[in-house]
Amino acid sequence: MTSSGNWYHCAVKVISRAAGRSVVAAAAYRLGERLHDERYAEVHDYRRKGGVLDAFTLAPAGSPEWALDPERLWNAAEKSEVRKNSCLAREVELALPAFLSQGDRLRITERFAGELVERYGVAVSAAIHAPARGDDRNFHAHILFTTRELGAEGFGKKTRVLDDAKTGRVEVTRLRELAAECINDALADANSDERVDHRSFKDRGVVREPTTHLGPAASEMERRGERSDRGDLNRDAADQNARTDQSLGELEALDRAITSERRAAFEPPSTVASARERVADTVAPFVQAIQTRGHIADSQRDGLSWWQRAASKLATLAWSFALDLGDKAKRLWSERGPDLSSGRDRDNGEREGLDR
């Protein structure tokens, strides 16, 4: 039996010039590198940031040699876009299994990045980040890829399939599904019974409180051991989810108890021993009467024989027990209801954040 990995997160975002972003700066931060930004005549140096476990750059076969140099690649990508509101790059943020080795996490990231290169003909720079202080499970990858195809002559046409209103949503869903496939294959290879699901909490009917993307400023505060507003929101969400999990566990246990008692009350016993055990208390008075008097009347004033009366009493007891369990379930659900319903209509897809 497999278990569900609710830590799964895969979000696709854009790096846009309209938002005042520089793709060279974005690449430097994610890769933990020192890159010179030709457009803005600045140097972005994140070598002391720490937390970057692995980083690499991929390009389609036949691409120019400079495509594998992050500084030259992302300056060329910046230069290829002339509009003031250009989309400079796309990024996939991908949560990685904490209990796998770093080699396994690297192979997941390399496979996913390679699929992007093959699917869209783009160049990719990727980095795996270690968890921030306070959460040793939050291994994740930043996978930055160009918005234009890259060939022997340099950058070519835009990959509009991700921009189009009709195809964009489908492509993003496919990327999330692809990421889940890469992770699940690695989990299977590691003989883990855990699997992830690319569908949202809402689509799976899972009651969870989504977390919030921290962003660079809040992430840096948390790394220094300082509390941030967004970090507090995520801690509150984690507490809420823990209470929800506890409540759901209690409800599942109650459901199992009801099912077990219903089976015992209404299904025929499977063995002679279980049949004797089931009716022992109910027929005890009749057995005692036989032992003391040597017989029992076939019927009494109500016209029922002793065995009919015993059967009727058994049915009454079973029905009373089922009603009692139902009342307990109703009370428990009423008490836990507000906790369980608060996150029912929320989506884990784009809102559940990682430490960056």
Protein backbone atom coordinates (compact mmCIF):
# COMPACT_ATOMS: atom_id res chain seq x y z
CA MET A 1 0.00 0.00 0.00
CA THR A 2 1.35 3.45 -0.95
CA SER A 3 1.18 6.63 1.12
CA SER A 4 0.60 10.14 -0.20
CA GLY A 5 3.37 12.74 -0.10
CA ASN A 6 1.50 15.95 0.72
CA TRP A 7 4.76 17.91 0.55
CA TYR A 8 4.61 17.90 -3.28
CA HIS A 9 4.91 21.35 -4.84
CA CYS A 10 5.48 22.31 -8.47
CA ALA A 11 4.76 25.88 -9.57
CA VAL A 12 5.50 27.54 -12.94
CA LYS A 13 6.26 31.27 -12.82
CA VAL A 14 7.59 33.99 -15.11
CA ILE A 15 10.50 36.44 -14.80
CA SER A 16 9.11 39.64 -16.33
CA ARG A 17 10.80 42.92 -17.22
CA ALA A 18 7.49 44.68 -16.56
CA ALA A 19 7.93 43.81 -12.88
CA GLY A 20 11.40 45.37 -12.85
CA ARG A 21 13.14 41.98 -12.90
CA SER A 22 16.51 41.12 -14.40
CA VAL A 23 16.92 37.55 -15.57
CA VAL A 24 20.68 37.75 -14.99
CA ALA A 25 20.06 38.70 -11.36
CA ALA A 26 17.50 35.91 -11.02
CA ALA A 27 19.98 33.36 -12.41
CA ALA A 28 22.77 34.58 -10.13
CA TYR A 29 20.58 34.27 -7.04
CA ARG A 30 19.32 30.79 -7.88
CA LEU A 31 22.71 29.43 -8.94
CA GLY A 32 24.59 31.11 -6.09
CA GLU A 33 26.98 32.65 -8.63
CA ARG A 34 28.62 35.98 -9.49
CA LEU A 35 27.19 37.18 -12.81
CA HIS A 36 27.79 40.48 -14.63
CA ASP A 37 24.58 42.07 -15.91
CA GLU A 38 25.38 43.80 -19.20
CA ARG A 39 22.01 45.53 -19.60
CA TYR A 40 22.11 47.25 -16.21
CA ALA A 41 25.92 47.36 -15.83
CA GLU A 42 25.74 45.63 -12.46
CA VAL A 43 27.39 42.65 -10.81
CA HIS A 44 25.11 40.25 -8.92
CA ASP A 45 27.21 38.24 -6.49
CA TYR A 46 25.44 35.54 -4.46
CA ARG A 47 28.40 33.25 -3.85
CA ARG A 48 28.18 33.83 -0.09
CA LYS A 49 24.45 33.18 0.09
CA GLY A 50 24.95 29.50 0.81
CA GLY A 51 22.43 26.71 0.57
CA VAL A 52 23.05 25.84 -3.11
CA LEU A 53 23.80 22.11 -3.17
CA ASP A 54 24.09 21.57 -6.93
CA ALA A 55 23.75 23.70 -10.06
CA PHE A 56 24.00 23.01 -13.78
CA THR A 57 23.05 24.39 -17.21
CA LEU A 58 21.69 22.43 -20.19
CA ALA A 59 21.10 23.42 -23.81
CA PRO A 60 19.74 21.69 -26.94
CA ALA A 61 22.15 19.71 -29.09
CA GLY A 62 23.91 21.95 -31.64
CA SER A 63 23.57 25.10 -29.52
CA PRO A 64 26.46 27.60 -29.41
CA GLU A 65 29.22 26.93 -26.89
CA TRP A 66 28.26 30.01 -24.84
CA ALA A 67 24.86 28.47 -24.06
CA LEU A 68 26.42 26.39 -21.27
CA ASP A 69 27.93 29.48 -19.58
CA PRO A 70 25.21 30.95 -17.31
CA GLU A 71 26.57 34.52 -17.52
CA ARG A 72 26.67 34.55 -21.32
CA LEU A 73 23.43 32.58 -21.66
CA TRP A 74 21.27 34.85 -19.53
CA ASN A 75 22.79 38.06 -20.84
CA ALA A 76 21.96 36.80 -24.34
CA ALA A 77 18.43 35.96 -23.21
CA GLU A 78 18.04 39.46 -21.74
CA LYS A 79 19.36 41.03 -24.94
CA SER A 80 17.01 39.00 -27.17
CA GLU A 81 13.98 40.69 -25.60
CA VAL A 82 13.44 44.32 -26.65
CA ARG A 83 10.01 45.14 -25.22
CA LYS A 84 9.70 46.86 -21.84
CA ASN A 85 7.16 44.25 -20.71
CA SER A 86 8.92 41.18 -22.10
CA CYS A 87 8.76 37.82 -20.41
CA LEU A 88 12.46 37.10 -19.92
CA ALA A 89 12.36 33.53 -18.58
CA ARG A 90 10.15 30.97 -16.91
CA GLU A 91 10.87 29.17 -13.68
CA VAL A 92 9.71 25.90 -12.19
CA GLU A 93 9.88 25.63 -8.41
CA LEU A 94 9.95 21.97 -7.47
CA ALA A 95 9.91 20.36 -4.02
CA LEU A 96 12.22 17.35 -3.69
CA PRO A 97 12.02 14.34 -1.31
CA ALA A 98 13.95 15.05 1.88
CA PHE A 99 14.49 11.37 2.68
CA LEU A 100 16.27 10.57 -0.61
CA SER A 101 19.98 11.13 -1.12
CA GLN A 102 21.31 14.29 -2.75
CA GLY A 103 22.32 12.15 -5.71
CA ASP A 104 18.70 11.04 -6.14
CA ARG A 105 17.45 14.62 -5.88
CA LEU A 106 19.99 15.70 -8.49
CA ARG A 107 18.88 12.94 -10.86
CA ILE A 108 15.22 14.02 -10.49
CA THR A 109 16.16 17.62 -11.31
CA GLU A 110 18.41 16.66 -14.24
CA ARG A 111 15.72 14.45 -15.75
CA PHE A 112 13.05 17.15 -15.45
CA ALA A 113 15.38 19.83 -16.87
CA GLY A 114 16.31 17.53 -19.75
CA GLU A 115 12.63 17.01 -20.54
CA LEU A 116 12.18 20.80 -20.75
CA VAL A 117 15.06 21.03 -23.22
CA GLU A 118 13.58 18.26 -25.37
CA ARG A 119 9.98 19.46 -25.16
CA TYR A 120 10.52 23.15 -25.92
CA GLY A 121 14.01 23.40 -27.41
CA VAL A 122 15.13 25.84 -24.70
CA ALA A 123 18.17 26.32 -22.48
CA VAL A 124 17.89 25.58 -18.75
CA SER A 125 19.81 26.59 -15.63
CA ALA A 126 18.87 24.68 -12.49
CA ALA A 127 19.91 24.69 -8.85
CA ILE A 128 19.01 22.58 -5.83
CA HIS A 129 18.65 24.51 -2.59
CA ALA A 130 18.99 23.15 0.94
CA PRO A 131 16.28 23.81 3.52
CA ALA A 132 16.36 27.03 5.49
CA ARG A 133 16.91 26.97 9.22
CA GLY A 134 13.96 25.50 11.10
CA ASP A 135 12.77 23.10 8.38
CA ASP A 136 15.15 20.30 7.48
CA ARG A 137 12.73 18.76 4.94
CA ASN A 138 12.43 21.61 2.46
CA PHE A 139 14.85 20.55 -0.28
CA HIS A 140 13.77 22.13 -3.56
CA ALA A 141 14.95 23.01 -7.05
CA HIS A 142 14.76 26.26 -9.03
CA ILE A 143 14.68 25.46 -12.74
CA LEU A 144 15.04 28.56 -14.92
CA PHE A 145 14.45 28.18 -18.67
CA THR A 146 14.45 30.54 -21.64
CA THR A 147 11.29 31.73 -23.35
CA ARG A 148 12.84 31.32 -26.79
CA GLU A 149 14.08 28.27 -28.64
CA LEU A 150 17.86 27.99 -28.87
CA GLY A 151 19.57 26.75 -32.02
CA ALA A 152 22.96 26.85 -33.70
CA GLU A 153 22.50 30.53 -34.59
CA GLY A 154 21.34 31.56 -31.14
CA PHE A 155 17.87 32.42 -29.88
CA GLY A 156 14.95 31.95 -32.22
CA LYS A 157 11.16 32.09 -31.89
CA LYS A 158 9.17 32.34 -28.68
CA THR A 159 7.69 29.20 -27.12
CA ARG A 160 4.12 30.48 -27.40
CA VAL A 161 2.54 27.20 -26.32
CA LEU A 162 3.03 28.30 -22.71
CA ASP A 163 1.63 31.80 -23.37
CA ASP A 164 -1.50 30.86 -25.29
CA ALA A 165 -4.75 31.03 -23.31
CA LYS A 166 -5.91 27.69 -24.75
CA THR A 167 -2.69 25.69 -24.42
CA GLY A 168 -0.91 27.37 -21.52
CA ARG A 169 -2.96 25.82 -18.72
CA VAL A 170 -2.73 22.39 -20.34
CA GLU A 171 1.05 22.69 -20.64
CA VAL A 172 1.45 23.75 -17.02
CA THR A 173 -0.63 20.75 -15.92
CA ARG A 174 1.54 18.50 -18.09
CA LEU A 175 4.71 19.93 -16.50
CA ARG A 176 3.32 19.29 -13.01
CA GLU A 177 2.43 15.74 -14.07
CA LEU A 178 5.92 15.25 -15.53
CA ALA A 179 7.52 16.44 -12.30
CA ALA A 180 5.41 13.96 -10.32
CA GLU A 181 6.47 11.16 -12.68
CA CYS A 182 10.16 12.00 -12.18
CA ILE A 183 9.75 12.03 -8.39
CA ASN A 184 7.64 8.87 -8.24
CA ASP A 185 10.11 6.93 -10.38
CA ALA A 186 12.90 7.94 -8.00
CA LEU A 187 10.79 6.95 -4.99
CA ALA A 188 10.07 3.55 -6.57
CA ASP A 189 13.77 3.03 -7.30
CA ALA A 190 14.48 3.75 -3.62
CA ASN A 191 11.85 1.15 -2.58
CA SER A 192 9.75 3.84 -0.90
CA ASP A 193 6.00 3.29 -0.59
CA GLU A 194 5.36 7.05 -0.79
CA ARG A 195 4.06 8.64 -3.99
CA VAL A 196 3.14 12.21 -4.99
CA ASP A 197 0.13 13.44 -6.95
CA HIS A 198 0.31 16.47 -9.26
CA ARG A 199 -3.38 17.25 -8.81
CA SER A 200 -4.47 20.01 -6.46
CA PHE A 201 -5.75 19.32 -2.95
CA LYS A 202 -9.20 20.43 -4.11
CA ASP A 203 -9.24 18.01 -7.07
CA ARG A 204 -8.18 15.16 -4.77
CA GLY A 205 -10.70 16.10 -2.07
CA VAL A 206 -7.89 16.61 0.46
CA VAL A 207 -8.53 19.01 3.32
CA ARG A 208 -5.33 21.01 3.79
CA GLU A 209 -4.39 24.60 4.63
CA PRO A 210 -2.02 25.86 1.87
CA THR A 211 1.23 27.55 2.77
CA THR A 212 2.56 30.82 1.36
CA HIS A 213 5.62 31.47 -0.79
CA LEU A 214 8.22 33.15 1.42
CA GLY A 215 10.19 35.09 -1.18
CA PRO A 216 13.86 36.14 -0.90
CA ALA A 217 13.46 38.69 1.94
CA ALA A 218 11.45 36.42 4.24
CA SER A 219 13.68 33.45 3.41
CA GLU A 220 16.79 35.39 4.39
CA MET A 221 15.16 36.42 7.69
CA GLU A 222 14.24 32.82 8.47
CA ARG A 223 17.78 31.66 7.68
CA ARG A 224 19.09 34.16 10.24
CA GLY A 225 16.71 32.71 12.81
CA GLU A 226 14.35 35.71 12.65
CA ARG A 227 10.60 35.25 12.37
CA SER A 228 8.86 36.69 9.31
CA ASP A 229 5.16 37.40 8.77
CA ARG A 230 5.00 34.88 5.94
CA GLY A 231 6.92 32.36 7.99
CA ASP A 232 4.40 32.79 10.81
CA LEU A 233 1.56 32.19 8.33
CA ASN A 234 3.22 28.96 7.23
CA ARG A 235 3.75 27.85 10.81
CA ASP A 236 0.08 28.53 11.56
CA ALA A 237 -0.89 26.53 8.46
CA ALA A 238 1.33 23.64 9.58
CA ASP A 239 -0.34 23.63 13.01
CA GLN A 240 -3.77 23.71 11.39
CA ASN A 241 -2.88 20.83 9.10
CA ALA A 242 -1.58 18.80 12.06
CA ARG A 243 -4.90 19.29 13.86
CA THR A 244 -6.77 18.39 10.68
CA ASP A 245 -4.73 15.21 10.27
CA GLN A 246 -5.46 14.27 13.88
CA SER A 247 -9.19 14.88 13.40
CA LEU A 248 -9.28 12.89 10.17
CA GLY A 249 -7.43 10.06 11.90
CA GLU A 250 -10.04 10.00 14.67
CA LEU A 251 -12.85 10.00 12.13
CA GLU A 252 -11.25 7.16 10.18
CA ALA A 253 -10.89 5.15 13.41
CA LEU A 254 -14.55 5.79 14.21
CA ASP A 255 -15.58 4.73 10.70
CA ARG A 256 -13.65 1.50 11.12
CA ALA A 257 -15.32 0.86 14.50
CA ILE A 258 -18.79 1.46 13.04
CA THR A 259 -18.05 -0.85 10.12
CA SER A 260 -16.73 -3.53 12.45
CA GLU A 261 -19.75 -3.36 14.77
CA ARG A 262 -22.19 -3.29 11.86
CA ARG A 263 -20.53 -6.39 10.43
CA ALA A 264 -20.68 -8.12 13.80
CA ALA A 265 -24.36 -7.19 14.27
CA PHE A 266 -25.77 -7.98 10.84
CA GLU A 267 -23.47 -10.41 9.06
CA PRO A 268 -23.71 -14.14 9.85
CA PRO A 269 -20.88 -15.45 12.06
CA SER A 270 -18.13 -17.21 10.16
CA THR A 271 -17.41 -19.89 12.79
CA VAL A 272 -19.26 -21.77 15.52
CA ALA A 273 -17.00 -20.20 18.15
CA SER A 274 -17.77 -16.65 16.97
CA ALA A 275 -21.49 -17.44 16.88
CA ARG A 276 -21.41 -18.70 20.47
CA GLU A 277 -19.43 -15.66 21.59
CA ARG A 278 -21.83 -13.27 19.86
CA VAL A 279 -25.01 -14.61 21.48
CA ALA A 280 -23.59 -15.74 24.83
CA ASP A 281 -24.74 -12.74 26.87
CA THR A 282 -28.17 -12.52 25.25
CA VAL A 283 -29.15 -16.18 25.60
CA ALA A 284 -27.59 -16.57 29.04
CA PRO A 285 -30.96 -16.12 30.87
CA PHE A 286 -32.58 -18.78 28.69
CA VAL A 287 -29.70 -21.18 29.23
CA GLN A 288 -29.94 -20.63 32.95
CA ALA A 289 -33.70 -21.34 32.88
CA ILE A 290 -33.12 -24.61 31.07
CA GLN A 291 -30.39 -25.61 33.50
CA THR A 292 -32.52 -24.82 36.58
CA ARG A 293 -35.96 -25.98 35.36
CA GLY A 294 -34.95 -28.57 32.84
CA HIS A 295 -37.00 -26.86 30.10
CA ILE A 296 -38.27 -23.50 28.84
CA ALA A 297 -41.77 -22.71 27.64
CA ASP A 298 -42.20 -22.67 23.88
CA SER A 299 -44.03 -19.36 24.09
CA GLN A 300 -45.12 -16.75 26.59
CA ARG A 301 -47.89 -14.14 26.71
CA ASP A 302 -46.60 -12.27 23.64
CA GLY A 303 -46.90 -15.43 21.58
CA LEU A 304 -43.18 -15.57 20.73
CA SER A 305 -41.06 -18.62 21.25
CA TRP A 306 -37.89 -18.29 23.29
CA TRP A 307 -35.64 -18.34 20.22
CA GLN A 308 -37.73 -15.66 18.48
CA ARG A 309 -37.48 -13.48 21.58
CA ALA A 310 -33.70 -13.98 21.70
CA ALA A 311 -33.34 -13.04 18.05
CA SER A 312 -35.51 -9.95 18.57
CA LYS A 313 -33.42 -8.88 21.53
CA LEU A 314 -30.21 -9.32 19.53
CA ALA A 315 -31.57 -7.15 16.71
CA THR A 316 -32.66 -4.46 19.18
CA LEU A 317 -29.25 -4.39 20.82
CA ALA A 318 -27.47 -4.18 17.45
CA TRP A 319 -29.69 -1.34 16.30
CA SER A 320 -29.18 0.54 19.58
CA PHE A 321 -25.43 0.14 19.32
CA ALA A 322 -25.39 1.42 15.71
CA LEU A 323 -27.43 4.47 16.70
CA ASP A 324 -25.06 5.18 19.58
CA LEU A 325 -22.03 5.06 17.28
CA GLY A 326 -23.81 7.31 14.81
CA ASP A 327 -24.49 9.87 17.55
CA LYS A 328 -20.83 9.77 18.58
CA ALA A 329 -19.71 10.32 14.98
CA LYS A 330 -22.11 13.23 14.61
CA ARG A 331 -20.86 14.89 17.78
CA LEU A 332 -17.22 14.41 16.79
CA TRP A 333 -17.80 15.82 13.33
CA SER A 334 -19.64 18.80 14.79
CA GLU A 335 -16.76 19.53 17.16
CA ARG A 336 -14.12 19.16 14.46
CA GLY A 337 -16.13 20.64 11.60
CA PRO A 338 -14.73 24.20 11.58
CA ASP A 339 -11.16 22.91 11.45
CA LEU A 340 -11.89 20.47 8.67
CA SER A 341 -13.83 22.82 6.42
CA SER A 342 -11.49 25.83 6.50
CA GLY A 343 -9.18 24.63 3.75
CA ARG A 344 -11.60 22.52 1.72
CA ASP A 345 -11.91 24.84 -1.26
CA ARG A 346 -8.30 25.90 -1.48
CA ASP A 347 -5.76 24.77 -4.01
CA ASN A 348 -2.26 23.56 -3.29
CA GLY A 349 -1.04 24.13 -6.84
CA GLU A 350 0.20 27.71 -7.08
CA ARG A 351 -0.18 28.87 -3.45
CA GLU A 352 1.72 26.26 -1.48
CA GLY A 353 5.15 27.85 -1.14
CA LEU A 354 8.71 26.81 -0.55
CA ASP A 355 11.56 28.46 1.28
CA ARG A 356 13.63 30.31 -1.28
